Amino acid sequence: GVYHMWYHADRDIGHATSTDGIHWTKDPDNPVLRPDSSPAAFDNFRVADPFVIKKDNIYYLYYAGEDRNGKSRIGLATSELLPTPSPTPIPTATLTLTPSPSLFAPIILVPGFGASWNPRAFFSCDTGMTSGWKLAPYVSLYNRLIQTLTKNAQLQLNTDFYVYPYDFRQPLDTQSILLKNFIDGILTSKPPGTRVRLIGHSFGGLVMRSYLSNNPFDHKAISALTIGTPHQGTVMVYPMWENGEIWTDNRLMQIALSQLIGHCRLKNTFISRDQGKPKINILTRRETVQKFAPSIKNLLPLFDYLRENGNIKSTATLIHQNDWLSLHPFSSTFFGVNFSTLSGNNIETLRFLDVTHPSQPEIRLGNWPDGKPVNKETTLLGDGSVLGLSSIITGTDNSILAGSNHQDIISKKEAIEKILAFLHLDGVSPASPIPLPEETSSRFLTVALDVPAKLELTTPKKEIRESEDNILVVFDQAPGMYTLRITPHASGPAYLHLTLSENQQGISTKTYSVSLSQNKSIEYKIIYSRQTITIPRLIPLLSSNFSGSQ
């Protein structure tokens, strides 16, 4: 006898035969069933999951048909004859639609680097704590899109539409596992065959891509839109990876990395003895980034971006290279999903760094092994953070918003209209504009505590900011005197971090060691003056054990 097997590969259904059930011969006429070419067809994007039965000398092939809007239905093809692996023409299957309930494809938004927060994981400096993350309390960048989808499009949050906060410290191979677990968890409550639509901003687009790339045959996505995603890396992370310097103007990255570097350096400081004398061992900023935020390496550029003595240095010759992106190129079919990109343009974006040899002290510390920057060259062919050559992918549906920066392309009206079109949400209008202090501010002050507590900050205008998330961020803080009240949830020592960022002056942090008693509030005065570039002074008001350090 002859065994017949139907299977799906990427977007088509194939057929194979065998005489022993072990060795199989593919049908030379494969694929035996393709997506319908009609734009209105229910299966114009993918046909999959074939199942064949015979009844009354008719062979019935049931399959899952998916359209480009992310909807799935059950299709039926019939034939009086089985396909045979020979040049003999096979009767054309007659396609008959079997109506079934349309499956809605849930939407998942994956935000960018630094937009998520988990104080317990963050201040433990434990990269093994990958669960329990949520949108950071100081992030408003995604609120307009969220309101558009939940209010204007009337999608139910955590049923039709999901936001996926994640541990941005993790490398992309780990990210693919974590996103897969999240998607699989969502689909356990959905009808069989349900697929998802993915939207990723910035690094979030690479998180999505890692999921698709590492699960090429069993991912559950029907479409993917990456927004300002550095598919070829971004030059601005070079100083972070090679010397622990934060050059980006992206406020979310600034807040996240400044807290991580400041706290995890301190937490991992220890004293040893060298020839009988005490020796303080402290990680460099570079070592801290590489140990506690290995994801930064996955953002290094694949393209040439360094010059030395006027000559371009080949990226292939560098000590630090982006192994993940080079080993995970796009497939010719873009992982079998409807893939699109959205990019900004006409914003000064870093393109080249001129480098020279580092100094001997820097060499001893292991800093700048590929060269120390001495000059920058920018171009208008980018969004301020990511170059168009990195965010635009040949062969996909690419949209460009001229004059839009890295934040605009996820928050401004024109960007949200593009996103709605990608989702085929016709007739839905963008929500009203929402203030974005993390984009518009020229400075910010961060107050963070590494243990659970309630933080209350009273501004000079007597406005009260509160947080149970171990962090408070004040954008465009006014000069004057602030009052900080800390009500700890447990007793013990703690580190209190004050971080100041000014557009023209960079980022500075000071850390104070404090002793806390459970439920006993302590207060401090924070004095901030615009006339000085140093961080604000912290003055204890009520009795507390208190010391400061840089």
Protein backbone atom coordinates (compact mmCIF):
# COMPACT_ATOMS: atom_id res chain seq x y z
CA GLY A 1 0.00 0.00 0.00
CA VAL A 2 0.89 3.66 -0.19
CA TYR A 3 0.81 6.04 2.75
CA HIS A 4 -0.26 9.63 2.12
CA MET A 5 0.74 12.59 4.30
CA TRP A 6 -0.38 16.20 4.08
CA TYR A 7 1.65 18.84 5.90
CA HIS A 8 2.05 22.59 6.00
CA ALA A 9 5.30 24.50 5.51
CA ASP A 10 5.35 28.25 5.98
CA ARG A 11 2.18 29.36 4.11
CA ASP A 12 1.32 26.35 1.91
CA ILE A 13 0.13 22.75 2.21
CA GLY A 14 2.27 19.97 0.79
CA HIS A 15 1.78 16.26 0.10
CA ALA A 16 4.13 13.27 0.35
CA THR A 17 3.87 9.49 -0.11
CA SER A 18 5.63 6.50 1.41
CA THR A 19 5.52 2.71 1.08
CA ASP A 20 6.90 2.03 4.58
CA GLY A 21 5.86 5.06 6.65
CA ILE A 22 9.52 5.93 7.22
CA HIS A 23 10.92 7.10 3.90
CA TRP A 24 8.84 9.78 2.24
CA THR A 25 8.77 11.27 -1.26
CA LYS A 26 7.50 14.81 -1.71
CA ASP A 27 4.89 15.37 -4.39
CA PRO A 28 6.54 17.06 -7.41
CA ASP A 29 3.38 19.15 -7.77
CA ASN A 30 3.79 20.68 -4.28
CA PRO A 31 2.33 22.76 -2.90
CA VAL A 32 -1.01 21.04 -3.45
CA LEU A 33 -2.87 23.94 -1.83
CA ARG A 34 -1.82 27.59 -1.81
CA PRO A 35 -3.34 30.72 -0.27
CA ASP A 36 -6.05 32.19 -2.48
CA SER A 37 -4.77 35.18 -4.46
CA SER A 38 -8.02 37.10 -4.14
CA PRO A 39 -7.72 40.05 -1.70
CA ALA A 40 -11.20 39.25 -0.38
CA ALA A 41 -10.53 35.55 0.22
CA PHE A 42 -10.65 34.23 3.77
CA ASP A 43 -7.37 32.34 3.20
CA ASN A 44 -5.35 34.89 1.22
CA PHE A 45 -2.35 34.80 3.58
CA ARG A 46 -1.81 31.26 4.83
CA VAL A 47 -3.22 27.72 4.62
CA ALA A 48 -2.13 25.27 7.31
CA ASP A 49 -3.03 22.36 9.60
CA PRO A 50 -4.40 19.95 6.96
CA PHE A 51 -6.63 17.02 7.95
CA VAL A 52 -7.95 14.53 5.34
CA ILE A 53 -10.85 12.07 5.57
CA LYS A 54 -12.61 9.91 2.95
CA LYS A 55 -16.40 9.58 2.74
CA ASP A 56 -18.45 8.15 -0.12
CA ASN A 57 -15.39 8.04 -2.40
CA ILE A 58 -14.73 11.75 -1.83
CA TYR A 59 -11.58 13.00 -0.09
CA TYR A 60 -12.20 15.98 2.18
CA LEU A 61 -9.19 18.16 3.15
CA TYR A 62 -10.01 20.43 6.08
CA TYR A 63 -7.52 23.20 6.79
CA ALA A 64 -7.04 26.49 8.62
CA GLY A 65 -7.17 29.50 6.32
CA GLU A 66 -5.89 32.89 7.50
CA ASP A 67 -6.34 36.30 5.94
CA ARG A 68 -4.08 39.35 6.20
CA ASN A 69 -6.24 40.86 8.93
CA GLY A 70 -5.29 38.11 11.36
CA LYS A 71 -8.63 36.25 11.12
CA SER A 72 -8.80 32.47 10.74
CA ARG A 73 -11.53 30.17 9.43
CA ILE A 74 -11.85 26.53 8.58
CA GLY A 75 -11.60 25.78 4.86
CA LEU A 76 -12.47 22.66 2.89
CA ALA A 77 -11.01 21.30 -0.34
CA THR A 78 -12.47 18.18 -1.99
CA SER A 79 -11.28 15.74 -4.63
CA GLU A 80 -12.38 12.37 -6.00
CA LEU A 81 -8.76 11.27 -6.42
CA LEU A 82 -5.71 11.28 -4.20
CA PRO A 83 -2.66 13.19 -5.40
CA THR A 84 -0.11 10.91 -7.01
CA PRO A 85 3.64 11.64 -7.15
CA SER A 86 3.83 11.57 -10.93
CA PRO A 87 3.69 14.02 -13.82
CA THR A 88 0.10 12.91 -14.42
CA PRO A 89 -2.12 15.95 -13.94
CA ILE A 90 -4.07 15.84 -10.72
CA PRO A 91 -7.66 16.98 -10.81
CA THR A 92 -7.94 20.47 -9.43
CA ALA A 93 -9.39 20.47 -5.95
CA THR A 94 -12.70 22.24 -5.61
CA LEU A 95 -12.60 24.70 -2.75
CA THR A 96 -15.71 25.01 -0.66
CA LEU A 97 -15.86 27.38 2.28
CA THR A 98 -17.21 25.91 5.46
CA PRO A 99 -18.42 28.89 7.50
CA SER A 100 -16.97 29.04 10.99
CA PRO A 101 -16.73 31.73 13.66
CA SER A 102 -14.11 34.32 12.76
CA LEU A 103 -11.13 34.20 15.15
CA PHE A 104 -9.98 37.59 16.42
CA ALA A 105 -6.20 37.96 16.52
CA PRO A 106 -5.22 39.64 19.81
CA ILE A 107 -2.83 42.60 19.63
CA ILE A 108 0.34 42.67 21.73
CA LEU A 109 2.34 45.89 22.25
CA VAL A 110 6.00 45.37 23.17
CA PRO A 111 7.50 48.66 24.47
CA GLY A 112 11.08 49.81 24.18
CA PHE A 113 14.17 49.51 26.36
CA GLY A 114 13.72 50.94 29.85
CA ALA A 115 9.93 51.29 29.66
CA SER A 116 9.35 48.43 32.14
CA TRP A 117 9.98 48.32 35.87
CA ASN A 118 10.38 45.75 38.61
CA PRO A 119 12.02 47.29 41.69
CA ARG A 120 12.65 43.98 43.41
CA ALA A 121 14.46 42.53 40.39
CA PHE A 122 16.16 45.80 39.53
CA PHE A 123 17.61 46.62 42.94
CA SER A 124 18.55 43.02 43.69
CA CYS A 125 20.80 43.17 40.60
CA ASP A 126 19.60 39.62 39.98
CA THR A 127 19.21 39.02 36.24
CA GLY A 128 17.47 35.74 37.01
CA MET A 129 14.32 37.58 38.19
CA THR A 130 12.52 37.86 34.85
CA SER A 131 8.88 37.89 36.00
CA GLY A 132 6.77 40.55 37.69
CA TRP A 133 7.65 43.44 35.36
CA LYS A 134 5.15 46.20 34.55
CA LEU A 135 5.15 49.49 32.66
CA ALA A 136 7.35 51.93 34.55
CA PRO A 137 5.34 54.48 36.57
CA TYR A 138 7.15 57.39 34.89
CA VAL A 139 6.31 56.25 31.32
CA SER A 140 3.53 57.99 29.40
CA LEU A 141 4.92 57.44 25.89
CA TYR A 142 2.52 54.60 25.05
CA ASN A 143 -0.61 56.01 26.70
CA ARG A 144 -2.05 57.62 23.57
CA LEU A 145 -1.82 54.37 21.60
CA ILE A 146 -3.23 52.41 24.53
CA GLN A 147 -6.17 54.81 24.83
CA THR A 148 -6.74 54.67 21.07
CA LEU A 149 -7.06 50.90 21.13
CA THR A 150 -8.99 50.52 24.39
CA LYS A 151 -11.33 53.52 24.20
CA ASN A 152 -11.67 54.51 20.56
CA ALA A 153 -11.38 51.00 19.10
CA GLN A 154 -13.19 49.55 22.14
CA LEU A 155 -10.75 46.68 22.54
CA GLN A 156 -10.69 45.14 25.98
CA LEU A 157 -7.34 45.39 27.73
CA ASN A 158 -5.89 41.97 28.60
CA THR A 159 -8.50 40.25 26.44
CA ASP A 160 -8.23 41.76 22.95
CA PHE A 161 -5.18 43.95 23.52
CA TYR A 162 -2.16 43.35 25.71
CA VAL A 163 0.87 45.34 26.79
CA TYR A 164 3.94 43.19 27.37
CA PRO A 165 6.34 44.70 29.94
CA TYR A 166 9.56 42.70 30.12
CA ASP A 167 13.01 42.50 31.67
CA PHE A 168 14.97 44.63 29.19
CA ARG A 169 18.27 43.53 30.77
CA GLN A 170 17.98 40.09 29.18
CA PRO A 171 19.72 39.12 25.91
CA LEU A 172 17.54 38.34 22.92
CA ASP A 173 17.72 34.55 23.16
CA THR A 174 16.22 34.82 26.64
CA GLN A 175 13.70 37.41 25.43
CA SER A 176 12.40 34.95 22.82
CA ILE A 177 11.62 32.39 25.53
CA LEU A 178 9.93 34.92 27.79
CA LEU A 179 7.75 36.35 25.01
CA LYS A 180 6.83 32.84 23.86
CA ASN A 181 5.69 32.02 27.40
CA PHE A 182 3.62 35.22 27.50
CA ILE A 183 1.94 34.52 24.15
CA ASP A 184 1.30 30.86 24.96
CA GLY A 185 -0.28 31.94 28.24
CA ILE A 186 -2.62 34.32 26.41
CA LEU A 187 -3.65 31.69 23.89
CA THR A 188 -4.61 29.09 26.50
CA SER A 189 -7.90 30.99 26.93
CA LYS A 190 -8.46 31.55 23.20
CA PRO A 191 -10.05 29.23 20.60
CA PRO A 192 -7.68 26.78 18.90
CA GLY A 193 -5.94 28.32 15.91
CA THR A 194 -5.90 31.85 17.32
CA ARG A 195 -2.87 33.89 16.33
CA VAL A 196 -1.58 37.25 17.51
CA ARG A 197 -0.60 40.58 15.97
CA LEU A 198 2.64 42.06 17.29
CA ILE A 199 3.64 45.72 17.56
CA GLY A 200 7.13 46.48 18.86
CA HIS A 201 8.73 49.84 19.52
CA SER A 202 12.51 50.22 19.43
CA PHE A 203 14.17 47.31 21.30
CA GLY A 204 10.68 45.82 21.66
CA GLY A 205 10.77 45.12 17.92
CA LEU A 206 13.93 43.05 18.40
CA VAL A 207 12.23 41.16 21.24
CA MET A 208 9.44 40.29 18.76
CA ARG A 209 11.96 39.36 16.10
CA SER A 210 13.79 37.04 18.52
CA TYR A 211 10.50 35.24 19.17
CA LEU A 212 9.84 34.78 15.45
CA SER A 213 13.42 33.85 14.61
CA ASN A 214 13.82 31.30 17.40
CA ASN A 215 10.40 29.75 16.76
CA PRO A 216 10.22 29.76 12.94
CA PHE A 217 7.79 26.86 12.58
CA ASP A 218 5.65 27.09 15.70
CA HIS A 219 5.29 30.79 16.51
CA LYS A 220 1.74 32.09 16.85
CA ALA A 221 2.03 35.43 15.03
CA ILE A 222 0.05 36.43 11.98
CA SER A 223 1.56 39.90 11.54
CA ALA A 224 4.30 42.08 13.01
CA LEU A 225 5.00 45.81 12.94
CA THR A 226 8.34 47.13 14.19
CA ILE A 227 8.55 50.85 14.97
CA GLY A 228 11.95 52.53 15.07
CA THR A 229 13.56 49.15 15.65
CA PRO A 230 17.36 48.88 15.20
CA HIS A 231 17.38 45.73 13.06
CA GLN A 232 21.00 46.52 12.17
CA GLY A 233 21.86 47.96 15.59
CA THR A 234 22.40 51.56 16.72
CA VAL A 235 25.62 53.56 17.13
CA MET A 236 24.54 55.20 20.39
CA VAL A 237 25.07 52.01 22.44
CA TYR A 238 28.78 51.77 21.58
CA PRO A 239 29.85 54.01 24.51
CA MET A 240 27.54 52.09 26.85
CA TRP A 241 29.05 48.71 26.00
CA GLU A 242 32.69 49.76 25.76
CA ASN A 243 32.88 52.24 28.66
CA GLY A 244 29.53 52.34 30.51
CA GLU A 245 28.78 55.87 29.24
CA ILE A 246 25.20 56.96 28.55
CA TRP A 247 25.13 59.17 25.45
CA THR A 248 21.51 58.74 24.43
CA ASP A 249 18.89 61.48 24.88
CA ASN A 250 16.26 58.76 25.31
CA ARG A 251 14.93 59.50 28.80
CA LEU A 252 13.72 55.95 29.44
CA MET A 253 17.16 54.50 28.71
CA GLN A 254 18.79 57.24 30.78
CA ILE A 255 16.65 56.54 33.83
CA ALA A 256 17.00 52.76 33.60
CA LEU A 257 20.75 52.63 32.94
CA SER A 258 21.71 55.35 35.41
CA GLN A 259 19.88 53.50 38.21
CA LEU A 260 21.32 50.14 37.16
CA ILE A 261 24.91 51.39 36.96
CA GLY A 262 24.74 53.44 40.14
CA HIS A 263 23.12 50.79 42.30
CA CYS A 264 24.63 47.56 40.99
CA ARG A 265 28.17 48.99 41.13
CA LEU A 266 27.65 49.84 44.78
CA LYS A 267 25.89 46.60 45.65
CA ASN A 268 28.74 44.54 44.18
CA THR A 269 31.54 46.43 45.91
CA PHE A 270 33.51 44.37 48.41
CA ILE A 271 36.72 44.59 50.43
CA SER A 272 39.50 42.04 50.07
CA ARG A 273 43.04 41.91 51.39
CA ASP A 274 46.09 42.42 49.21
CA GLN A 275 49.36 41.54 50.97
CA GLY A 276 47.66 42.08 54.29
CA LYS A 277 46.19 45.45 53.32
CA PRO A 278 42.48 46.08 52.69
CA LYS A 279 41.55 46.60 49.05
CA ILE A 280 38.25 47.97 47.77
CA ASN A 281 36.96 46.06 44.76
CA ILE A 282 34.40 47.91 42.66
CA LEU A 283 33.12 47.18 39.18
CA THR A 284 33.78 49.72 36.47
CA ARG A 285 30.78 51.24 34.74
CA ARG A 286 31.58 49.10 31.69
CA GLU A 287 31.75 45.90 33.74
CA THR A 288 28.43 46.79 35.39
CA VAL A 289 26.65 47.26 32.05
CA GLN A 290 28.11 44.09 30.54
CA LYS A 291 27.26 42.01 33.61
CA PHE A 292 23.81 43.34 34.46
CA ALA A 293 22.48 44.51 31.07
CA PRO A 294 23.87 42.05 28.49
CA SER A 295 21.02 43.06 26.16
CA ILE A 296 23.04 46.17 25.23
CA LYS A 297 25.41 43.99 23.19
CA ASN A 298 22.45 42.91 21.04
CA LEU A 299 22.09 46.57 19.98
CA LEU A 300 25.62 47.05 18.63
CA PRO A 301 25.62 47.92 14.89
CA LEU A 302 26.19 45.36 12.15
CA PHE A 303 27.17 48.11 9.69
CA ASP A 304 30.52 49.92 9.73
CA TYR A 305 30.35 52.91 12.08
CA LEU A 306 33.88 53.55 13.45
CA ARG A 307 36.68 55.50 11.77
CA GLU A 308 40.32 55.65 12.81
CA ASN A 309 42.76 58.09 11.22
CA GLY A 310 40.12 58.82 8.60
CA ASN A 311 39.73 55.17 7.61
CA ILE A 312 36.59 53.12 8.23
CA LYS A 313 37.12 50.20 10.60
CA SER A 314 35.35 47.07 9.44
CA THR A 315 32.84 45.90 12.02
CA ALA A 316 34.05 42.34 11.36
CA THR A 317 37.42 43.28 12.89
CA LEU A 318 36.07 44.68 16.16
CA ILE A 319 36.54 42.94 19.48
CA HIS A 320 32.92 43.56 20.49
CA GLN A 321 30.43 42.52 17.80
CA ASN A 322 26.70 41.90 17.69
CA ASP A 323 26.67 38.12 17.44
CA TRP A 324 22.90 37.78 17.79
CA LEU A 325 21.84 39.95 14.86
CA SER A 326 24.52 38.52 12.60
CA LEU A 327 23.45 34.94 13.40
CA HIS A 328 19.70 35.63 13.11
CA PRO A 329 19.07 37.27 9.72
CA PHE A 330 15.57 37.65 8.35
CA SER A 331 14.27 34.66 6.42
CA SER A 332 13.17 35.25 2.82
CA THR A 333 9.56 34.84 3.95
CA PHE A 334 9.94 37.04 7.05
CA PHE A 335 9.07 34.10 9.29
CA GLY A 336 5.79 33.61 7.46
CA VAL A 337 4.15 36.74 8.88
CA ASN A 338 2.87 39.93 7.34
CA PHE A 339 5.87 42.09 8.32
CA SER A 340 5.88 45.91 8.26
CA THR A 341 8.07 48.71 9.62
CA LEU A 342 7.52 52.32 10.66
CA SER A 343 10.48 54.71 10.85
CA GLY A 344 11.22 58.34 11.62
CA ASN A 345 13.43 60.57 9.52
CA ASN A 346 15.04 64.00 9.16
CA ILE A 347 16.33 64.04 12.76
CA GLU A 348 20.04 64.36 13.63
CA THR A 349 21.17 60.78 14.28
CA LEU A 350 24.60 59.43 15.13
CA ARG A 351 26.24 57.79 12.09
CA PHE A 352 30.01 57.63 12.60
CA LEU A 353 32.40 57.83 15.54
CA ASP A 354 36.01 58.83 15.01
CA VAL A 355 38.11 56.89 17.51
CA THR A 356 41.66 56.84 18.75
CA HIS A 357 43.67 54.53 20.99
CA PRO A 358 42.61 54.60 24.65
CA SER A 359 45.02 55.74 27.36
CA GLN A 360 47.08 53.28 29.37
CA PRO A 361 44.80 53.58 32.45
CA GLU A 362 41.79 52.92 30.21
CA ILE A 363 43.53 49.93 28.66
CA ARG A 364 44.30 48.51 32.12
CA LEU A 365 40.61 48.83 33.01
CA GLY A 366 39.59 47.11 29.76
CA ASN A 367 37.73 50.17 28.48
CA TRP A 368 37.42 51.25 24.84
CA PRO A 369 39.07 48.13 23.36
CA ASP A 370 37.80 49.09 19.88
CA GLY A 371 38.76 52.75 20.19
CA LYS A 372 37.93 55.83 22.25
CA PRO A 373 35.58 58.31 20.52
CA VAL A 374 37.01 61.77 19.86
CA ASN A 375 34.47 63.04 17.33
CA LYS A 376 30.91 62.35 16.17
CA GLU A 377 29.27 62.59 12.77
CA THR A 378 25.51 62.76 12.45
CA THR A 379 23.06 62.45 9.57
CA LEU A 380 19.43 63.39 9.03
CA LEU A 381 18.68 59.86 7.82
CA GLY A 382 17.29 58.66 11.13
CA ASP A 383 14.95 59.35 14.05
CA GLY A 384 17.54 60.64 16.52
CA SER A 385 18.22 57.20 17.97
CA VAL A 386 18.03 54.72 15.09
CA LEU A 387 19.22 55.17 11.50
CA GLY A 388 16.87 54.44 8.62
CA LEU A 389 19.36 51.92 7.26
CA SER A 390 18.72 49.95 10.45
CA SER A 391 14.95 50.36 10.92
CA ILE A 392 13.91 49.92 7.26
CA ILE A 393 13.86 46.34 5.92
CA THR A 394 14.06 45.63 2.21
CA GLY A 395 11.17 43.53 0.95
CA THR A 396 8.66 44.58 3.60
CA ASP A 397 6.00 47.29 3.77
CA ASN A 398 8.04 50.27 5.04
CA SER A 399 6.46 53.56 6.13
CA ILE A 400 8.49 56.68 6.94
CA LEU A 401 7.32 59.74 8.88
CA ALA A 402 9.55 62.67 7.92
CA GLY A 403 10.43 65.00 10.78
CA SER A 404 9.46 62.42 13.40
CA ASN A 405 11.81 61.35 16.15
CA HIS A 406 12.10 58.05 18.00
CA GLN A 407 9.24 58.93 20.37
CA ASP A 408 7.00 60.59 17.76
CA ILE A 409 6.69 57.41 15.72
CA ILE A 410 4.79 55.67 18.52
CA SER A 411 2.84 58.65 19.90
CA LYS A 412 1.97 61.35 17.34
CA LYS A 413 -1.30 61.33 15.39
CA GLU A 414 0.23 60.36 12.03
CA ALA A 415 2.07 57.44 13.62
CA ILE A 416 -1.02 56.08 15.34
CA GLU A 417 -2.95 56.36 12.07
CA LYS A 418 -0.28 54.17 10.46
CA ILE A 419 -0.60 51.66 13.29
CA LEU A 420 -4.39 51.60 12.95
CA ALA A 421 -4.04 50.97 9.21
CA PHE A 422 -1.65 48.09 9.91
CA LEU A 423 -4.24 46.62 12.29
CA HIS A 424 -7.03 47.19 9.73
CA LEU A 425 -9.00 49.15 12.32
CA ASP A 426 -10.82 51.26 9.77
CA GLY A 427 -12.86 54.18 11.06
CA VAL A 428 -10.96 54.42 14.37
CA SER A 429 -9.43 57.80 15.17
CA PRO A 430 -6.35 58.41 17.34
CA ALA A 431 -6.99 59.46 20.93
CA SER A 432 -6.33 63.05 21.96
CA PRO A 433 -2.69 64.07 22.51
CA ILE A 434 -1.18 63.27 25.90
CA PRO A 435 1.67 65.18 27.56
CA LEU A 436 4.99 63.34 27.18
CA PRO A 437 7.35 64.82 29.77
CA GLU A 438 9.91 62.08 29.16
CA GLU A 439 10.23 63.45 25.62
CA THR A 440 9.79 67.21 26.05
CA SER A 441 11.69 67.83 29.29
CA SER A 442 15.22 69.22 29.27
CA ARG A 443 16.07 67.78 32.68
CA PHE A 444 14.79 65.34 35.26
CA LEU A 445 15.39 64.39 38.87
CA THR A 446 15.11 60.77 40.00
CA VAL A 447 14.70 59.63 43.59
CA ALA A 448 15.06 55.88 44.09
CA LEU A 449 15.25 53.57 47.10
CA ASP A 450 16.42 49.97 46.92
CA VAL A 451 13.97 48.58 49.53
CA PRO A 452 10.14 48.56 49.61
CA ALA A 453 8.74 51.84 50.91
CA LYS A 454 6.26 54.58 50.21
CA LEU A 455 7.93 57.65 48.73
CA GLU A 456 6.30 61.10 48.95
CA LEU A 457 7.87 64.13 47.34
CA THR A 458 6.47 67.62 47.87
CA THR A 459 7.58 70.11 45.22
CA PRO A 460 8.26 73.84 45.77
CA LYS A 461 4.76 74.43 44.39
CA LYS A 462 3.37 72.15 47.14
CA GLU A 463 2.45 69.43 44.62
CA ILE A 464 2.71 65.94 46.14
CA ARG A 465 4.10 63.00 44.13
CA GLU A 466 3.70 59.52 45.62
CA SER A 467 5.05 56.11 44.69
CA GLU A 468 5.03 52.57 46.02
CA ASP A 469 7.37 51.47 43.23
CA ASN A 470 10.66 52.55 44.89
CA ILE A 471 11.17 55.35 42.36
CA LEU A 472 9.95 58.90 41.69
CA VAL A 473 10.85 60.88 38.58
CA VAL A 474 10.26 64.63 38.36
CA PHE A 475 10.58 66.06 34.85
CA ASP A 476 11.58 69.70 34.32
CA GLN A 477 11.89 70.13 38.07
CA ALA A 478 11.64 73.70 39.31
CA PRO A 479 14.43 75.22 41.42
CA GLY A 480 13.74 75.34 45.13
CA MET A 481 13.27 73.12 48.14
CA TYR A 482 11.64 69.70 47.94
CA THR A 483 10.52 67.57 50.88
CA LEU A 484 11.04 63.82 50.64
CA ARG A 485 9.20 61.54 53.07
CA ILE A 486 10.09 57.84 53.21
CA THR A 487 7.84 55.35 54.99
CA PRO A 488 9.64 51.98 54.86
CA HIS A 489 7.81 48.65 54.86
CA ALA A 490 10.66 46.89 56.67
CA SER A 491 13.59 47.75 58.91
CA GLY A 492 17.21 47.72 57.85
CA PRO A 493 19.86 49.51 55.82
CA ALA A 494 19.05 50.99 52.42
CA TYR A 495 20.55 52.99 49.59
CA LEU A 496 18.88 56.21 48.50
CA HIS A 497 19.88 57.38 45.00
CA LEU A 498 19.50 60.91 43.66
CA THR A 499 20.08 61.27 39.92
CA LEU A 500 20.04 64.50 37.94
CA SER A 501 20.03 64.69 34.15
CA GLU A 502 20.51 67.94 32.25
CA ASN A 503 20.52 68.05 28.45
CA GLN A 504 23.79 69.98 28.27
CA GLN A 505 25.47 68.57 31.37
CA GLY A 506 24.86 64.82 31.22
CA ILE A 507 23.88 62.59 34.12
CA SER A 508 25.16 62.67 37.70
CA THR A 509 24.20 60.46 40.64
CA LYS A 510 24.81 60.57 44.38
CA THR A 511 23.98 57.70 46.71
CA TYR A 512 23.19 57.93 50.43
CA SER A 513 23.27 55.08 52.93
CA VAL A 514 20.30 55.28 55.30
CA SER A 515 18.99 53.16 58.16
CA LEU A 516 15.24 52.57 58.15
CA SER A 517 12.71 51.42 60.73
CA GLN A 518 9.53 49.74 59.59
CA ASN A 519 6.55 52.13 59.25
CA LYS A 520 8.58 54.97 60.80
CA SER A 521 8.66 57.90 58.41
CA ILE A 522 11.79 59.96 57.87
CA GLU A 523 12.02 63.24 55.99
CA TYR A 524 14.68 65.00 53.97
CA LYS A 525 14.98 68.36 52.29
CA ILE A 526 16.25 68.31 48.71
CA ILE A 527 17.64 71.66 47.59
CA TYR A 528 17.92 72.13 43.82
CA SER A 529 19.34 75.17 42.05
CA ARG A 530 19.60 75.68 38.30
CA GLN A 531 22.69 77.80 38.86
CA THR A 532 24.74 74.72 39.68
CA ILE A 533 25.33 71.58 37.63
CA THR A 534 25.84 69.43 40.72
CA ILE A 535 23.08 67.19 41.96
CA PRO A 536 20.71 68.55 44.63
CA ARG A 537 21.73 68.50 48.28
CA LEU A 538 19.93 66.12 50.62
CA ILE A 539 19.42 67.31 54.20
CA PRO A 540 17.90 64.99 56.87
CA LEU A 541 15.12 66.60 58.93
CA LEU A 542 14.12 63.90 61.37
CA SER A 543 16.41 61.60 63.30
CA SER A 544 18.00 59.02 61.00
CA ASN A 545 21.25 57.26 60.37
CA PHE A 546 22.56 58.84 57.22
CA SER A 547 25.73 59.00 55.13
CA GLY A 548 26.48 59.97 51.55
CA SER A 549 28.69 58.59 48.82
CA GLN A 550 29.26 59.15 45.12
